[in-house]
Protein backbone atom coordinates (compact mmCIF):
# COMPACT_ATOMS: atom_id res chain seq x y z
CA UNK A 1 -7.80 8.54 9.60
CA UNK A 2 -5.79 5.52 8.71
CA UNK A 3 -6.54 5.44 5.11
CA UNK A 4 -2.69 4.48 4.54
CA UNK A 5 -0.10 3.75 7.06
CA UNK A 6 3.72 3.06 6.92
CA UNK A 7 6.18 2.24 9.75
CA UNK A 8 10.02 2.17 9.96
CA UNK A 9 11.90 1.56 13.29
CA UNK A 10 10.42 4.49 15.37
CA UNK A 11 8.42 6.51 12.54
CA UNK A 12 5.03 6.00 11.57
CA UNK A 13 3.34 8.26 8.92
CA UNK A 14 -0.34 8.01 8.74
CA UNK A 15 -2.80 9.10 5.58
CA UNK A 16 -6.06 10.60 6.52
CA UNK A 17 -7.65 10.89 2.78
CA UNK A 18 -10.90 12.70 3.46
CA UNK A 19 -10.64 14.36 6.81
CA UNK A 20 -10.14 17.96 5.87
CA UNK A 21 -12.53 20.75 6.06
CA UNK A 22 -13.34 20.54 2.23
CA UNK A 23 -14.91 17.52 0.58
CA UNK A 24 -12.35 14.85 -0.13
CA UNK A 25 -9.53 17.37 1.31
CA UNK A 26 -6.86 14.87 3.28
CA UNK A 27 -4.16 15.24 5.47
CA UNK A 28 -1.04 13.45 6.98
CA UNK A 29 -0.06 12.77 10.50
CA UNK A 30 3.58 11.48 11.72
CA UNK A 31 4.46 10.06 15.16
CA UNK A 32 7.76 8.96 16.99
CA UNK A 33 8.27 6.24 19.11
CA UNK A 34 10.59 7.66 22.15
CA UNK A 35 11.36 4.86 24.96
CA UNK A 36 9.05 2.57 23.68
CA UNK A 37 6.16 4.92 23.69
CA UNK A 38 4.21 6.28 20.34
CA UNK A 39 3.88 10.14 20.99
CA UNK A 40 0.70 12.13 20.05
CA UNK A 41 0.16 12.50 16.11
CA UNK A 42 1.63 15.65 14.63
CA UNK A 43 0.49 17.09 11.33
CA UNK A 44 2.97 16.03 8.64
CA UNK A 45 4.17 19.31 7.03
CA UNK A 46 1.87 19.34 3.66
CA UNK A 47 0.74 22.89 3.64
CA UNK A 48 2.55 23.56 0.06
CA UNK A 49 0.69 20.57 -1.35
CA UNK A 50 -0.94 22.22 -4.73
CA UNK A 51 -4.41 20.00 -4.19
CA UNK A 52 -4.98 18.30 -1.26
CA UNK A 53 -8.03 16.13 -2.97
CA UNK A 54 -6.94 12.25 -1.69
CA UNK A 55 -4.28 13.68 0.12
CA UNK A 56 -2.86 10.90 2.54
CA UNK A 57 -4.10 8.13 -0.05
CA UNK A 58 -0.70 6.68 -0.18
CA UNK A 59 2.38 7.22 2.31
CA UNK A 60 5.67 5.42 2.56
CA UNK A 61 8.35 6.05 5.16
CA UNK A 62 11.92 3.97 5.21
CA UNK A 63 14.79 5.81 7.16
CA UNK A 64 15.28 9.08 6.65
CA UNK A 65 13.12 9.53 3.53
CA UNK A 66 9.12 9.83 3.45
CA UNK A 67 6.77 10.17 0.38
CA UNK A 68 2.89 11.22 0.71
CA UNK A 69 0.50 11.35 -2.29
CA UNK A 70 -2.85 12.98 -3.30
CA UNK A 71 -3.52 10.13 -5.78
CA UNK A 72 -6.80 11.94 -7.28
CA UNK A 73 -5.69 15.32 -7.33
CA UNK A 74 -6.53 17.66 -10.14
CA UNK A 75 -3.16 19.09 -11.04
CA UNK A 76 -2.67 22.43 -13.64
CA UNK A 77 -6.11 21.48 -15.20
CA UNK A 78 -5.07 17.92 -15.51
CA UNK A 79 -8.08 15.96 -14.34
CA UNK A 80 -7.06 13.22 -11.41
CA UNK A 81 -3.34 13.53 -12.64
CA UNK A 82 -2.17 12.78 -8.95
CA UNK A 83 0.87 14.25 -6.94
CA UNK A 84 3.63 12.73 -4.79
CA UNK A 85 5.75 15.20 -2.45
CA UNK A 86 8.94 13.63 -1.60
CA UNK A 87 10.83 14.34 1.70
CA UNK A 88 13.99 13.84 3.82
CA UNK A 89 15.41 14.59 7.13
CA UNK A 90 18.82 14.51 8.59
CA UNK A 91 17.98 12.10 11.46
CA UNK A 92 15.15 10.26 13.19
CA UNK A 93 13.06 12.74 14.85
CA UNK A 94 14.07 15.64 13.02
CA UNK A 95 12.35 17.89 10.85
CA UNK A 96 10.95 17.02 7.43
CA UNK A 97 11.93 18.71 4.22
CA UNK A 98 10.71 18.53 0.92
CA UNK A 99 13.09 17.53 -1.53
CA UNK A 100 11.05 16.32 -5.02
CA UNK A 101 7.36 17.01 -6.44
CA UNK A 102 6.01 14.30 -8.74
CA UNK A 103 2.78 14.79 -10.83
CA UNK A 104 0.75 12.85 -13.40
CA UNK A 105 1.05 14.43 -16.64
CA UNK A 106 -1.64 12.63 -18.47
CA UNK A 107 -5.62 12.73 -17.69
CA UNK A 108 -6.26 9.97 -14.56
CA UNK A 109 -2.75 9.35 -14.66
CA UNK A 110 -3.49 8.51 -10.64
CA UNK A 111 0.37 9.52 -9.50
CA UNK A 112 0.96 7.99 -6.30
CA UNK A 113 -1.85 5.48 -6.03
CA UNK A 114 0.69 3.42 -4.50
CA UNK A 115 3.94 4.14 -2.74
CA UNK A 116 7.06 2.01 -1.36
CA UNK A 117 10.39 2.98 -0.20
CA UNK A 118 13.48 0.86 0.74
CA UNK A 119 16.62 2.22 1.81
CA UNK A 120 17.20 4.95 -0.82
CA UNK A 121 14.63 3.62 -3.65
CA UNK A 122 11.60 5.15 -4.12
CA UNK A 123 8.62 3.48 -6.22
CA UNK A 124 5.91 5.40 -7.55
CA UNK A 125 2.61 3.89 -8.92
CA UNK A 126 0.76 5.50 -11.96
CA UNK A 127 -1.91 2.95 -12.58
CA UNK A 128 -4.08 5.05 -14.85
CA UNK A 129 -1.18 6.21 -17.19
CA UNK A 130 -1.75 5.18 -20.63
CA UNK A 131 0.63 2.83 -22.64
CA UNK A 132 0.18 3.59 -26.37
CA UNK A 133 -3.47 3.37 -27.10
CA UNK A 134 -4.16 1.11 -24.14
CA UNK A 135 -5.80 3.08 -21.43
CA UNK A 136 -5.14 2.84 -18.26
CA UNK A 137 -2.58 0.30 -18.53
CA UNK A 138 -0.28 1.65 -15.86
CA UNK A 139 3.55 1.93 -15.07
CA UNK A 140 5.97 2.30 -12.04
CA UNK A 141 8.56 4.79 -11.62
CA UNK A 142 11.60 4.16 -9.45
CA UNK A 143 13.75 6.92 -8.39
CA UNK A 144 17.19 6.91 -6.31
CA UNK A 145 16.74 9.14 -3.54
CA UNK A 146 19.60 11.59 -1.70
CA UNK A 147 19.18 14.08 0.78
CA UNK A 148 18.71 17.10 -1.13
CA UNK A 149 16.61 15.39 -4.04
CA UNK A 150 16.13 12.34 -6.52
CA UNK A 151 17.11 10.93 -9.80
CA UNK A 152 14.94 9.08 -12.20
CA UNK A 153 16.20 5.43 -12.18
CA UNK A 154 13.80 3.24 -14.19
CA UNK A 155 10.06 2.64 -15.47
CA UNK A 156 8.55 -0.55 -15.12
CA UNK A 157 5.39 -1.53 -17.29
CA UNK A 158 3.53 -4.76 -17.84
CA UNK A 159 4.99 -6.75 -20.02
CA UNK A 160 1.62 -7.29 -22.28
CA UNK A 161 -0.43 -4.04 -21.50
CA UNK A 162 -3.82 -4.47 -21.02
CA UNK A 163 -6.89 -2.24 -20.82
CA UNK A 164 -7.78 -0.93 -17.30
CA UNK A 165 -5.05 -3.36 -16.08
CA UNK A 166 -3.94 -0.49 -13.50
CA UNK A 167 -0.41 -1.83 -13.42
CA UNK A 168 0.79 -0.25 -10.28
CA UNK A 169 -1.96 -0.32 -8.21
CA UNK A 170 -0.20 -1.52 -5.38
CA UNK A 171 3.65 -1.99 -4.68
CA UNK A 172 6.03 -3.84 -2.44
CA UNK A 173 9.77 -3.43 -2.25
CA UNK A 174 12.26 -5.87 -0.18
CA UNK A 175 16.02 -6.51 -0.83
CA UNK A 176 15.74 -4.81 -3.98
CA UNK A 177 12.80 -7.09 -5.21
CA UNK A 178 9.95 -5.10 -6.26
CA UNK A 179 6.18 -6.69 -6.46
CA UNK A 180 3.70 -4.74 -8.61
CA UNK A 181 0.18 -5.41 -8.45
CA UNK A 182 -2.75 -4.68 -10.88
CA UNK A 183 -6.18 -4.10 -9.64
CA UNK A 184 -8.16 -5.51 -12.64
CA UNK A 185 -5.95 -7.88 -14.06
CA UNK A 186 -5.92 -10.46 -11.24
CA UNK A 187 -1.88 -10.31 -11.49
CA UNK A 188 1.09 -9.36 -9.46
CA UNK A 189 4.59 -8.81 -11.29
CA UNK A 190 7.96 -9.23 -9.77
CA UNK A 191 11.29 -7.12 -10.61
CA UNK A 192 14.71 -6.80 -9.59
CA UNK A 193 15.89 -3.14 -9.06
């Protein structure tokens, strides 16, 4: 419980990777603050995830949008492709509805290792994604969210891809400024959306 957390105003999303009935199967919870008091955690609606391995490994919430990831899930026989589900709701305290699914298409893409949302911008880290012949170079995909779905905006890649650079291992966004961390290259890169 608490493998990943994200809070915005009165909404808290909590990842619990590895807490389900199957080894490494995870869960996600959400809490709402009412009159200054946090309510008991409720299970987040992830029942339609195709594979719950590492579910809750990354979470993000901002306003009426949330994203939940299972970054090491095997998807359609692709090992550790990773999977992200994006949700919206009509208003604070409302029911979450799935609006978009994302998955890694390469083996070990690790889709959703990191997530960040600001206003209607979603960033998704794919640190295992190859860049040509450079394995595990990584990338970040940016999306524009709407209440009923999302559209692809841009792809961020390291200026000089490095073997096992794992670009996209961590993410942060504030006022349209994006910081992208790497796991093994000991660097962070700054971008503007």
